């Protein structure tokens, strides 16, 4: 049996006994010279035929897709999850859909850039810890008409907005407070983007090196390990550090989820936090408030991406694109029981 042809607006018009233009007016909620009875006939015809407007064709006519993209370097990260939720909430209110693109390699970055250049979305929020989408690619996307907000501490706004977080300074303050207690064996549990060399500069690793230098402590590469991207990996990474003959007396983790696992690892080794080993996290996730002891961390006083989302929809709603904007979201040291 041949496949049934997809119903068209003309089919709806014929069944309802109206013009194609009237069908368009009704379905798009536009005012027209039609009464309630006409609208009801059109809606009944739509239901009977199972008609759905061709969104791609409609987007071409309007030169809009009613889609925005979220471009991130990893999934399942609590901060990225919050960003996604807040972007979805704002998109729902504005009548947009959300597409998520994962950029955790150079090849995926090229693919994401190509997709965005084809016009799959009207705007995007980009949070790329690997710096796969650098200054030139971002500027190219903006020139192509993409409304763009970038979470980055290095790129310069050029046709797009940049949101920065002064991670290095805030982490440095926290590490100074930690080392001022007399701790001399400070370990660093980093994310892949910190230790892979793909990122142009890891703010958190740089803060670690800066602090050791300020306090006259040589870097021991045995104490610099990966694991902050995964809870289990961080647990085993810290467990391994604690088995060293000259074990660390403090652990600085590049994520709060790693720091929570570090507390578990220290306690499972029969040691005390912070008496034997102090633990410092990064990100200020709410989970850190309910660990025992509560987790000391560095981050926004209250994790929130409302400003990021507002910048994007400002650009999308404006008849004239706003000037390049640079927004700084303050970070601070939040001292709790683990240090």
C-alpha atoms as a PDB file:
ATOM      1  CA  UNK A   1       0.000   0.000   0.000  1.00  0.00           C
ATOM      2  CA  UNK A   2       1.486   3.366  -0.959  1.00  0.00           C
ATOM      3  CA  UNK A   3       2.414   5.701   1.887  1.00  0.00           C
ATOM      4  CA  UNK A   4      -0.278   8.244   2.656  1.00  0.00           C
ATOM      5  CA  UNK A   5       0.660  11.769   1.588  1.00  0.00           C
ATOM      6  CA  UNK A   6       1.175  14.267   4.376  1.00  0.00           C
ATOM      7  CA  UNK A   7      -1.851  16.590   4.635  1.00  0.00           C
ATOM      8  CA  UNK A   8      -1.292  20.172   3.547  1.00  0.00           C
ATOM      9  CA  UNK A   9      -2.794  23.546   4.439  1.00  0.00           C
ATOM     10  CA  UNK A  10      -4.710  23.349   1.139  1.00  0.00           C
ATOM     11  CA  UNK A  11      -6.297  20.068   2.295  1.00  0.00           C
ATOM     12  CA  UNK A  12      -7.366  21.754   5.536  1.00  0.00           C
ATOM     13  CA  UNK A  13      -8.781  24.704   3.604  1.00  0.00           C
ATOM     14  CA  UNK A  14     -10.829  22.475   1.292  1.00  0.00           C
ATOM     15  CA  UNK A  15     -12.249  20.419   4.152  1.00  0.00           C
ATOM     16  CA  UNK A  16     -13.128  23.533   6.185  1.00  0.00           C
ATOM     17  CA  UNK A  17     -14.463  25.412   3.173  1.00  0.00           C
ATOM     18  CA  UNK A  18     -12.131  28.393   3.605  1.00  0.00           C
ATOM     19  CA  UNK A  19      -9.096  29.890   1.868  1.00  0.00           C
ATOM     20  CA  UNK A  20      -5.508  28.806   2.522  1.00  0.00           C
ATOM     21  CA  UNK A  21      -4.835  32.320   3.850  1.00  0.00           C
ATOM     22  CA  UNK A  22      -7.592  31.873   6.447  1.00  0.00           C
ATOM     23  CA  UNK A  23      -6.040  28.583   7.570  1.00  0.00           C
ATOM     24  CA  UNK A  24      -2.724  30.382   8.012  1.00  0.00           C
ATOM     25  CA  UNK A  25      -4.365  33.194  10.001  1.00  0.00           C
ATOM     26  CA  UNK A  26      -6.124  30.754  12.324  1.00  0.00           C
ATOM     27  CA  UNK A  27      -3.108  28.504  12.945  1.00  0.00           C
ATOM     28  CA  UNK A  28      -0.773  31.436  13.602  1.00  0.00           C
ATOM     29  CA  UNK A  29      -3.230  33.156  15.914  1.00  0.00           C
ATOM     30  CA  UNK A  30      -3.397  36.229  13.697  1.00  0.00           C
ATOM     31  CA  UNK A  31      -6.391  38.501  13.490  1.00  0.00           C
ATOM     32  CA  UNK A  32      -8.431  38.092  10.332  1.00  0.00           C
ATOM     33  CA  UNK A  33     -11.878  38.597   8.910  1.00  0.00           C
ATOM     34  CA  UNK A  34     -13.257  35.346  10.197  1.00  0.00           C
ATOM     35  CA  UNK A  35     -15.614  34.489  12.997  1.00  0.00           C
ATOM     36  CA  UNK A  36     -15.639  31.909  15.756  1.00  0.00           C
ATOM     37  CA  UNK A  37     -17.431  29.406  13.525  1.00  0.00           C
ATOM     38  CA  UNK A  38     -14.724  29.653  10.865  1.00  0.00           C
ATOM     39  CA  UNK A  39     -11.973  29.117  13.428  1.00  0.00           C
ATOM     40  CA  UNK A  40     -13.771  26.079  14.833  1.00  0.00           C
ATOM     41  CA  UNK A  41     -14.174  24.544  11.334  1.00  0.00           C
ATOM     42  CA  UNK A  42     -10.472  25.027  10.622  1.00  0.00           C
ATOM     43  CA  UNK A  43      -9.470  23.510  13.961  1.00  0.00           C
ATOM     44  CA  UNK A  44     -11.816  20.554  13.393  1.00  0.00           C
ATOM     45  CA  UNK A  45     -10.319  19.976   9.914  1.00  0.00           C
ATOM     46  CA  UNK A  46      -6.815  20.078  11.388  1.00  0.00           C
ATOM     47  CA  UNK A  47      -7.740  17.408  13.936  1.00  0.00           C
ATOM     48  CA  UNK A  48      -9.509  15.222  11.393  1.00  0.00           C
ATOM     49  CA  UNK A  49      -6.624  15.322   8.906  1.00  0.00           C
ATOM     50  CA  UNK A  50      -3.858  15.171  11.513  1.00  0.00           C
ATOM     51  CA  UNK A  51      -2.296  18.247   9.929  1.00  0.00           C
ATOM     52  CA  UNK A  52       0.930  19.704  11.364  1.00  0.00           C
ATOM     53  CA  UNK A  53       2.566  22.839   9.923  1.00  0.00           C
ATOM     54  CA  UNK A  54       5.950  22.333   8.266  1.00  0.00           C
ATOM     55  CA  UNK A  55       8.163  24.140  10.763  1.00  0.00           C
ATOM     56  CA  UNK A  56      11.210  24.059   8.468  1.00  0.00           C
ATOM     57  CA  UNK A  57       9.350  25.727   5.630  1.00  0.00           C
ATOM     58  CA  UNK A  58       7.803  28.234   8.007  1.00  0.00           C
ATOM     59  CA  UNK A  59      11.247  29.025   9.397  1.00  0.00           C
ATOM     60  CA  UNK A  60      12.596  29.682   5.907  1.00  0.00           C
ATOM     61  CA  UNK A  61       9.774  32.098   5.175  1.00  0.00           C
ATOM     62  CA  UNK A  62      10.240  33.972   8.443  1.00  0.00           C
ATOM     63  CA  UNK A  63      14.040  33.593   8.457  1.00  0.00           C
ATOM     64  CA  UNK A  64      13.723  32.262  11.999  1.00  0.00           C
ATOM     65  CA  UNK A  65      13.851  28.792  13.465  1.00  0.00           C
ATOM     66  CA  UNK A  66      12.402  29.517  16.931  1.00  0.00           C
ATOM     67  CA  UNK A  67      15.227  27.349  18.283  1.00  0.00           C
ATOM     68  CA  UNK A  68      18.189  28.145  20.541  1.00  0.00           C
ATOM     69  CA  UNK A  69      21.248  25.972  21.175  1.00  0.00           C
ATOM     70  CA  UNK A  70      23.056  25.099  24.360  1.00  0.00           C
ATOM     71  CA  UNK A  71      26.669  24.171  23.579  1.00  0.00           C
ATOM     72  CA  UNK A  72      28.513  22.530  26.493  1.00  0.00           C
ATOM     73  CA  UNK A  73      31.669  20.528  27.020  1.00  0.00           C
ATOM     74  CA  UNK A  74      30.094  17.837  29.179  1.00  0.00           C
ATOM     75  CA  UNK A  75      26.737  16.424  30.235  1.00  0.00           C
ATOM     76  CA  UNK A  76      25.569  15.429  33.701  1.00  0.00           C
ATOM     77  CA  UNK A  77      27.472  18.306  35.315  1.00  0.00           C
ATOM     78  CA  UNK A  78      25.265  19.971  37.942  1.00  0.00           C
ATOM     79  CA  UNK A  79      26.134  23.511  36.813  1.00  0.00           C
ATOM     80  CA  UNK A  80      25.400  22.636  33.174  1.00  0.00           C
ATOM     81  CA  UNK A  81      22.177  20.953  34.267  1.00  0.00           C
ATOM     82  CA  UNK A  82      21.086  24.162  35.987  1.00  0.00           C
ATOM     83  CA  UNK A  83      22.024  26.239  32.939  1.00  0.00           C
ATOM     84  CA  UNK A  84      19.976  23.891  30.740  1.00  0.00           C
ATOM     85  CA  UNK A  85      16.938  24.078  33.041  1.00  0.00           C
ATOM     86  CA  UNK A  86      16.996  27.862  33.186  1.00  0.00           C
ATOM     87  CA  UNK A  87      17.480  28.123  29.420  1.00  0.00           C
ATOM     88  CA  UNK A  88      14.547  25.762  28.829  1.00  0.00           C
ATOM     89  CA  UNK A  89      12.346  27.785  31.188  1.00  0.00           C
ATOM     90  CA  UNK A  90      13.105  31.052  29.390  1.00  0.00           C
ATOM     91  CA  UNK A  91      12.737  29.383  25.982  1.00  0.00           C
ATOM     92  CA  UNK A  92       9.330  28.011  26.933  1.00  0.00           C
ATOM     93  CA  UNK A  93       8.149  31.471  27.913  1.00  0.00           C
ATOM     94  CA  UNK A  94       9.470  33.004  24.684  1.00  0.00           C
ATOM     95  CA  UNK A  95       8.141  30.234  22.426  1.00  0.00           C
ATOM     96  CA  UNK A  96      11.511  28.685  21.551  1.00  0.00           C
ATOM     97  CA  UNK A  97      12.766  25.111  21.532  1.00  0.00           C
ATOM     98  CA  UNK A  98      16.216  24.118  22.817  1.00  0.00           C
ATOM     99  CA  UNK A  99      18.845  22.009  21.046  1.00  0.00           C
ATOM    100  CA  UNK A 100      21.850  20.740  23.026  1.00  0.00           C
ATOM    101  CA  UNK A 101      25.213  20.185  21.316  1.00  0.00           C
ATOM    102  CA  UNK A 102      28.088  18.403  23.073  1.00  0.00           C
ATOM    103  CA  UNK A 103      31.537  19.849  22.308  1.00  0.00           C
ATOM    104  CA  UNK A 104      34.173  17.713  24.015  1.00  0.00           C
ATOM    105  CA  UNK A 105      36.593  17.281  21.098  1.00  0.00           C
ATOM    106  CA  UNK A 106      37.916  19.240  18.145  1.00  0.00           C
ATOM    107  CA  UNK A 107      35.896  17.160  15.670  1.00  0.00           C
ATOM    108  CA  UNK A 108      32.656  17.781  17.568  1.00  0.00           C
ATOM    109  CA  UNK A 109      33.517  21.473  17.745  1.00  0.00           C
ATOM    110  CA  UNK A 110      33.859  21.599  13.949  1.00  0.00           C
ATOM    111  CA  UNK A 111      30.554  19.779  13.585  1.00  0.00           C
ATOM    112  CA  UNK A 112      28.797  22.089  16.041  1.00  0.00           C
ATOM    113  CA  UNK A 113      30.155  25.158  14.282  1.00  0.00           C
ATOM    114  CA  UNK A 114      29.026  23.820  10.893  1.00  0.00           C
ATOM    115  CA  UNK A 115      25.535  23.113  12.244  1.00  0.00           C
ATOM    116  CA  UNK A 116      25.226  26.582  13.740  1.00  0.00           C
ATOM    117  CA  UNK A 117      26.409  28.149  10.484  1.00  0.00           C
ATOM    118  CA  UNK A 118      23.647  26.321   8.598  1.00  0.00           C
ATOM    119  CA  UNK A 119      21.124  28.235  10.682  1.00  0.00           C
ATOM    120  CA  UNK A 120      19.680  25.461  12.847  1.00  0.00           C
ATOM    121  CA  UNK A 121      19.058  28.014  15.597  1.00  0.00           C
ATOM    122  CA  UNK A 122      18.519  31.727  16.108  1.00  0.00           C
ATOM    123  CA  UNK A 123      20.796  31.948  19.132  1.00  0.00           C
ATOM    124  CA  UNK A 124      23.145  29.971  21.352  1.00  0.00           C
ATOM    125  CA  UNK A 125      24.728  29.865  24.792  1.00  0.00           C
ATOM    126  CA  UNK A 126      28.216  28.403  24.608  1.00  0.00           C
ATOM    127  CA  UNK A 127      30.096  27.014  27.600  1.00  0.00           C
ATOM    128  CA  UNK A 128      33.184  25.312  26.164  1.00  0.00           C
ATOM    129  CA  UNK A 129      35.877  24.410  28.730  1.00  0.00           C
ATOM    130  CA  UNK A 130      38.121  22.901  26.044  1.00  0.00           C
ATOM    131  CA  UNK A 131      38.313  26.152  24.010  1.00  0.00           C
ATOM    132  CA  UNK A 132      37.379  24.192  20.872  1.00  0.00           C
ATOM    133  CA  UNK A 133      35.300  27.134  19.683  1.00  0.00           C
ATOM    134  CA  UNK A 134      37.851  29.938  19.804  1.00  0.00           C
ATOM    135  CA  UNK A 135      37.688  33.648  19.047  1.00  0.00           C
ATOM    136  CA  UNK A 136      37.609  33.326  15.250  1.00  0.00           C
ATOM    137  CA  UNK A 137      34.865  30.690  15.168  1.00  0.00           C
ATOM    138  CA  UNK A 138      32.724  32.655  17.593  1.00  0.00           C
ATOM    139  CA  UNK A 139      33.130  35.847  15.564  1.00  0.00           C
ATOM    140  CA  UNK A 140      32.218  33.915  12.408  1.00  0.00           C
ATOM    141  CA  UNK A 141      29.008  32.653  14.024  1.00  0.00           C
ATOM    142  CA  UNK A 142      28.100  36.181  15.111  1.00  0.00           C
ATOM    143  CA  UNK A 143      28.747  37.560  11.605  1.00  0.00           C
ATOM    144  CA  UNK A 144      26.419  34.883  10.289  1.00  0.00           C
ATOM    145  CA  UNK A 145      23.607  36.392  12.364  1.00  0.00           C
ATOM    146  CA  UNK A 146      23.609  34.058  15.362  1.00  0.00           C
ATOM    147  CA  UNK A 147      22.657  35.722  18.673  1.00  0.00           C
ATOM    148  CA  UNK A 148      25.399  34.497  20.938  1.00  0.00           C
ATOM    149  CA  UNK A 149      26.350  34.492  24.632  1.00  0.00           C
ATOM    150  CA  UNK A 150      29.682  32.877  25.581  1.00  0.00           C
ATOM    151  CA  UNK A 151      30.762  31.804  29.067  1.00  0.00           C
ATOM    152  CA  UNK A 152      34.520  32.301  28.921  1.00  0.00           C
ATOM    153  CA  UNK A 153      37.312  34.123  30.757  1.00  0.00           C
ATOM    154  CA  UNK A 154      39.572  34.647  27.745  1.00  0.00           C
ATOM    155  CA  UNK A 155      37.628  35.525  24.556  1.00  0.00           C
ATOM    156  CA  UNK A 156      36.815  39.124  23.635  1.00  0.00           C
ATOM    157  CA  UNK A 157      33.226  40.074  22.789  1.00  0.00           C
ATOM    158  CA  UNK A 158      32.962  40.802  19.074  1.00  0.00           C
ATOM    159  CA  UNK A 159      29.399  40.697  17.855  1.00  0.00           C
ATOM    160  CA  UNK A 160      28.421  38.578  20.865  1.00  0.00           C
ATOM    161  CA  UNK A 161      28.220  38.838  24.656  1.00  0.00           C
ATOM    162  CA  UNK A 162      30.733  37.331  27.083  1.00  0.00           C
ATOM    163  CA  UNK A 163      30.066  36.280  30.674  1.00  0.00           C
ATOM    164  CA  UNK A 164      33.136  35.935  32.861  1.00  0.00           C
ATOM    165  CA  UNK A 165      33.748  34.469  36.305  1.00  0.00           C
ATOM    166  CA  UNK A 166      36.939  35.571  38.116  1.00  0.00           C
ATOM    167  CA  UNK A 167      37.779  32.004  39.091  1.00  0.00           C
ATOM    168  CA  UNK A 168      41.526  32.408  39.393  1.00  0.00           C
ATOM    169  CA  UNK A 169      41.400  35.251  41.902  1.00  0.00           C
ATOM    170  CA  UNK A 170      38.695  33.686  44.079  1.00  0.00           C
ATOM    171  CA  UNK A 171      40.346  30.246  44.060  1.00  0.00           C
ATOM    172  CA  UNK A 172      43.625  31.900  44.952  1.00  0.00           C
ATOM    173  CA  UNK A 173      42.067  33.530  48.010  1.00  0.00           C
ATOM    174  CA  UNK A 174      40.668  30.191  49.161  1.00  0.00           C
ATOM    175  CA  UNK A 175      43.982  28.416  48.662  1.00  0.00           C
ATOM    176  CA  UNK A 176      45.838  31.160  50.527  1.00  0.00           C
ATOM    177  CA  UNK A 177      43.475  30.680  53.473  1.00  0.00           C
ATOM    178  CA  UNK A 178      44.098  26.926  53.336  1.00  0.00           C
ATOM    179  CA  UNK A 179      47.891  27.133  53.104  1.00  0.00           C
ATOM    180  CA  UNK A 180      48.034  29.793  55.811  1.00  0.00           C
ATOM    181  CA  UNK A 181      46.918  27.074  58.238  1.00  0.00           C
ATOM    182  CA  UNK A 182      50.332  25.442  57.760  1.00  0.00           C
ATOM    183  CA  UNK A 183      49.262  22.814  55.195  1.00  0.00           C
ATOM    184  CA  UNK A 184      52.248  21.876  53.029  1.00  0.00           C
ATOM    185  CA  UNK A 185      51.070  18.861  51.009  1.00  0.00           C
ATOM    186  CA  UNK A 186      48.281  20.293  48.841  1.00  0.00           C
ATOM    187  CA  UNK A 187      46.892  17.969  46.154  1.00  0.00           C
ATOM    188  CA  UNK A 188      44.923  19.039  43.074  1.00  0.00           C
ATOM    189  CA  UNK A 189      42.192  16.819  41.568  1.00  0.00           C
ATOM    190  CA  UNK A 190      41.502  18.327  38.152  1.00  0.00           C
ATOM    191  CA  UNK A 191      39.024  18.044  35.327  1.00  0.00           C
ATOM    192  CA  UNK A 192      40.083  16.706  31.948  1.00  0.00           C
ATOM    193  CA  UNK A 193      39.961  20.244  30.559  1.00  0.00           C
ATOM    194  CA  UNK A 194      42.411  21.334  33.287  1.00  0.00           C
ATOM    195  CA  UNK A 195      44.989  18.639  32.633  1.00  0.00           C
ATOM    196  CA  UNK A 196      44.613  17.693  28.955  1.00  0.00           C
ATOM    197  CA  UNK A 197      46.385  20.724  27.544  1.00  0.00           C
ATOM    198  CA  UNK A 198      43.486  21.387  25.150  1.00  0.00           C
ATOM    199  CA  UNK A 199      42.329  24.378  27.155  1.00  0.00           C
ATOM    200  CA  UNK A 200      44.412  27.512  26.596  1.00  0.00           C
ATOM    201  CA  UNK A 201      44.584  28.139  30.332  1.00  0.00           C
ATOM    202  CA  UNK A 202      42.944  26.370  33.237  1.00  0.00           C
ATOM    203  CA  UNK A 203      41.975  29.044  35.754  1.00  0.00           C
ATOM    204  CA  UNK A 204      41.752  26.508  38.587  1.00  0.00           C
ATOM    205  CA  UNK A 205      45.073  24.813  37.899  1.00  0.00           C
ATOM    206  CA  UNK A 206      46.712  28.209  37.452  1.00  0.00           C
ATOM    207  CA  UNK A 207      45.365  29.291  40.855  1.00  0.00           C
ATOM    208  CA  UNK A 208      46.855  26.124  42.392  1.00  0.00           C
ATOM    209  CA  UNK A 209      50.300  26.803  40.922  1.00  0.00           C
ATOM    210  CA  UNK A 210      50.129  30.485  41.903  1.00  0.00           C
ATOM    211  CA  UNK A 211      49.270  29.660  45.508  1.00  0.00           C
ATOM    212  CA  UNK A 212      52.071  27.131  45.882  1.00  0.00           C
ATOM    213  CA  UNK A 213      54.544  29.662  44.509  1.00  0.00           C
ATOM    214  CA  UNK A 214      53.323  32.405  46.854  1.00  0.00           C
ATOM    215  CA  UNK A 215      53.797  30.105  49.835  1.00  0.00           C
ATOM    216  CA  UNK A 216      57.189  28.809  48.716  1.00  0.00           C
ATOM    217  CA  UNK A 217      56.035  25.227  48.081  1.00  0.00           C
ATOM    218  CA  UNK A 218      57.411  23.229  45.166  1.00  0.00           C
ATOM    219  CA  UNK A 219      54.948  21.440  42.906  1.00  0.00           C
ATOM    220  CA  UNK A 220      54.880  17.670  43.458  1.00  0.00           C
ATOM    221  CA  UNK A 221      53.418  16.213  40.247  1.00  0.00           C
ATOM    222  CA  UNK A 222      52.338  13.092  42.138  1.00  0.00           C
ATOM    223  CA  UNK A 223      49.753  15.294  43.849  1.00  0.00           C
ATOM    224  CA  UNK A 224      48.254  16.579  40.574  1.00  0.00           C
ATOM    225  CA  UNK A 225      45.768  13.988  39.340  1.00  0.00           C
ATOM    226  CA  UNK A 226      42.650  13.781  37.124  1.00  0.00           C
ATOM    227  CA  UNK A 227      39.247  12.712  38.403  1.00  0.00           C
ATOM    228  CA  UNK A 228      37.098  15.817  38.952  1.00  0.00           C
ATOM    229  CA  UNK A 229      34.779  15.002  36.021  1.00  0.00           C
ATOM    230  CA  UNK A 230      33.333  11.911  37.713  1.00  0.00           C
ATOM    231  CA  UNK A 231      32.321  11.078  41.282  1.00  0.00           C
ATOM    232  CA  UNK A 232      33.758   7.567  41.291  1.00  0.00           C
ATOM    233  CA  UNK A 233      36.974   8.642  39.544  1.00  0.00           C
ATOM    234  CA  UNK A 234      37.540  11.366  42.116  1.00  0.00           C
ATOM    235  CA  UNK A 235      36.941   8.942  44.988  1.00  0.00           C
ATOM    236  CA  UNK A 236      39.564   6.539  43.675  1.00  0.00           C
ATOM    237  CA  UNK A 237      41.955   9.352  42.794  1.00  0.00           C
ATOM    238  CA  UNK A 238      41.882  10.653  46.372  1.00  0.00           C
ATOM    239  CA  UNK A 239      42.085   7.123  47.767  1.00  0.00           C
ATOM    240  CA  UNK A 240      45.289   6.673  45.768  1.00  0.00           C
ATOM    241  CA  UNK A 241      46.717   9.982  47.022  1.00  0.00           C
ATOM    242  CA  UNK A 242      46.071   8.948  50.630  1.00  0.00           C
ATOM    243  CA  UNK A 243      48.082   5.775  50.120  1.00  0.00           C
ATOM    244  CA  UNK A 244      51.244   7.763  49.403  1.00  0.00           C
ATOM    245  CA  UNK A 245      53.826   7.552  52.183  1.00  0.00           C
ATOM    246  CA  UNK A 246      53.883  11.369  52.294  1.00  0.00           C
ATOM    247  CA  UNK A 247      50.146  11.750  51.746  1.00  0.00           C
ATOM    248  CA  UNK A 248      48.506  15.147  51.215  1.00  0.00           C
ATOM    249  CA  UNK A 249      47.210  17.134  54.173  1.00  0.00           C
ATOM    250  CA  UNK A 250      44.806  19.083  51.934  1.00  0.00           C
ATOM    251  CA  UNK A 251      42.954  18.342  48.690  1.00  0.00           C
ATOM    252  CA  UNK A 252      41.733  21.018  46.285  1.00  0.00           C
ATOM    253  CA  UNK A 253      39.181  19.706  43.779  1.00  0.00           C
ATOM    254  CA  UNK A 254      38.236  21.442  40.532  1.00  0.00           C
ATOM    255  CA  UNK A 255      34.567  20.542  41.097  1.00  0.00           C
ATOM    256  CA  UNK A 256      32.319  20.223  44.121  1.00  0.00           C
ATOM    257  CA  UNK A 257      31.158  16.746  43.108  1.00  0.00           C
ATOM    258  CA  UNK A 258      34.805  15.624  43.233  1.00  0.00           C
ATOM    259  CA  UNK A 259      35.248  17.312  46.612  1.00  0.00           C
ATOM    260  CA  UNK A 260      32.236  15.480  48.073  1.00  0.00           C
ATOM    261  CA  UNK A 261      33.789  12.188  46.913  1.00  0.00           C
ATOM    262  CA  UNK A 262      37.092  13.330  48.424  1.00  0.00           C
ATOM    263  CA  UNK A 263      35.428  13.726  51.833  1.00  0.00           C
ATOM    264  CA  UNK A 264      34.084  10.177  51.548  1.00  0.00           C
ATOM    265  CA  UNK A 265      37.516   8.859  50.553  1.00  0.00           C
ATOM    266  CA  UNK A 266      39.226  10.576  53.494  1.00  0.00           C
ATOM    267  CA  UNK A 267      36.663   9.267  55.969  1.00  0.00           C
ATOM    268  CA  UNK A 268      36.817   5.743  54.494  1.00  0.00           C
ATOM    269  CA  UNK A 269      40.600   5.825  54.984  1.00  0.00           C
ATOM    270  CA  UNK A 270      40.017   6.312  58.702  1.00  0.00           C
ATOM    271  CA  UNK A 271      41.105   9.952  58.631  1.00  0.00           C
ATOM    272  CA  UNK A 272      39.376  13.118  59.774  1.00  0.00           C
ATOM    273  CA  UNK A 273      38.186  16.084  57.685  1.00  0.00           C
ATOM    274  CA  UNK A 274      39.601  18.677  58.217  1.00  0.00           C
ATOM    275  CA  UNK A 275      41.908  17.649  61.076  1.00  0.00           C
ATOM    276  CA  UNK A 276      43.979  15.204  59.007  1.00  0.00           C
ATOM    277  CA  UNK A 277      43.039  16.305  55.485  1.00  0.00           C
ATOM    278  CA  UNK A 278      41.260  19.532  54.544  1.00  0.00           C
ATOM    279  CA  UNK A 279      39.038  19.459  51.444  1.00  0.00           C
ATOM    280  CA  UNK A 280      38.199  22.420  49.189  1.00  0.00           C
ATOM    281  CA  UNK A 281      35.783  22.294  46.238  1.00  0.00           C
ATOM    282  CA  UNK A 282      34.828  24.524  43.327  1.00  0.00           C
ATOM    283  CA  UNK A 283      31.364  25.513  42.094  1.00  0.00           C
ATOM    284  CA  UNK A 284      29.251  25.979  45.241  1.00  0.00           C
ATOM    285  CA  UNK A 285      26.719  23.229  44.554  1.00  0.00           C
ATOM    286  CA  UNK A 286      23.930  22.937  47.114  1.00  0.00           C
ATOM    287  CA  UNK A 287      25.026  19.374  47.861  1.00  0.00           C
ATOM    288  CA  UNK A 288      28.072  20.760  49.629  1.00  0.00           C
ATOM    289  CA  UNK A 289      25.880  22.314  52.315  1.00  0.00           C
ATOM    290  CA  UNK A 290      24.706  18.893  53.541  1.00  0.00           C
ATOM    291  CA  UNK A 291      27.989  16.953  53.568  1.00  0.00           C
ATOM    292  CA  UNK A 292      29.527  16.181  56.928  1.00  0.00           C
ATOM    293  CA  UNK A 293      31.436  18.346  57.467  1.00  0.00           C
ATOM    294  CA  UNK A 294      29.906  20.945  55.151  1.00  0.00           C
ATOM    295  CA  UNK A 295      32.085  21.582  52.113  1.00  0.00           C
ATOM    296  CA  UNK A 296      34.213  24.700  51.783  1.00  0.00           C
ATOM    297  CA  UNK A 297      34.098  25.872  48.183  1.00  0.00           C
ATOM    298  CA  UNK A 298      34.671  28.662  45.688  1.00  0.00           C
ATOM    299  CA  UNK A 299      31.948  29.942  43.377  1.00  0.00           C
ATOM    300  CA  UNK A 300      28.947  32.186  42.981  1.00  0.00           C
ATOM    301  CA  UNK A 301      27.324  32.891  46.353  1.00  0.00           C
ATOM    302  CA  UNK A 302      24.166  31.432  44.799  1.00  0.00           C
ATOM    303  CA  UNK A 303      24.613  29.392  41.611  1.00  0.00           C
ATOM    304  CA  UNK A 304      22.398  31.016  38.991  1.00  0.00           C
ATOM    305  CA  UNK A 305      22.432  31.553  35.207  1.00  0.00           C
ATOM    306  CA  UNK A 306      19.492  33.952  34.967  1.00  0.00           C
ATOM    307  CA  UNK A 307      21.749  36.757  33.712  1.00  0.00           C
ATOM    308  CA  UNK A 308      23.242  34.510  31.011  1.00  0.00           C
ATOM    309  CA  UNK A 309      19.805  33.563  29.732  1.00  0.00           C
ATOM    310  CA  UNK A 310      18.581  37.171  29.877  1.00  0.00           C
ATOM    311  CA  UNK A 311      21.474  38.329  27.688  1.00  0.00           C
ATOM    312  CA  UNK A 312      20.579  35.769  25.025  1.00  0.00           C
ATOM    313  CA  UNK A 313      16.893  36.646  24.852  1.00  0.00           C
ATOM    314  CA  UNK A 314      17.746  40.357  24.887  1.00  0.00           C
ATOM    315  CA  UNK A 315      19.622  39.779  21.660  1.00  0.00           C
ATOM    316  CA  UNK A 316      16.904  37.606  20.184  1.00  0.00           C
ATOM    317  CA  UNK A 317      14.110  40.061  20.934  1.00  0.00           C
ATOM    318  CA  UNK A 318      15.855  43.265  19.856  1.00  0.00           C
ATOM    319  CA  UNK A 319      15.080  44.773  16.455  1.00  0.00           C
ATOM    320  CA  UNK A 320      18.665  46.109  16.470  1.00  0.00           C
ATOM    321  CA  UNK A 321      21.400  43.903  17.976  1.00  0.00           C
ATOM    322  CA  UNK A 322      22.771  45.429  21.195  1.00  0.00           C
ATOM    323  CA  UNK A 323      26.387  46.459  21.524  1.00  0.00           C
ATOM    324  CA  UNK A 324      28.886  43.842  22.664  1.00  0.00           C
ATOM    325  CA  UNK A 325      28.461  43.274  26.380  1.00  0.00           C
ATOM    326  CA  UNK A 326      30.819  41.855  28.969  1.00  0.00           C
ATOM    327  CA  UNK A 327      29.328  40.733  32.276  1.00  0.00           C
ATOM    328  CA  UNK A 328      31.281  39.542  35.310  1.00  0.00           C
ATOM    329  CA  UNK A 329      29.583  37.124  37.698  1.00  0.00           C
ATOM    330  CA  UNK A 330      31.433  37.394  41.037  1.00  0.00           C
ATOM    331  CA  UNK A 331      32.969  34.369  42.697  1.00  0.00           C
ATOM    332  CA  UNK A 332      33.926  34.166  46.354  1.00  0.00           C
ATOM    333  CA  UNK A 333      35.455  31.807  48.915  1.00  0.00           C
ATOM    334  CA  UNK A 334      32.695  30.155  50.954  1.00  0.00           C
ATOM    335  CA  UNK A 335      34.315  28.794  54.094  1.00  0.00           C
ATOM    336  CA  UNK A 336      32.584  25.877  55.789  1.00  0.00           C
ATOM    337  CA  UNK A 337      33.630  22.949  57.937  1.00  0.00           C
ATOM    338  CA  UNK A 338      35.836  20.940  55.542  1.00  0.00           C
ATOM    339  CA  UNK A 339      38.743  23.415  55.750  1.00  0.00           C
END
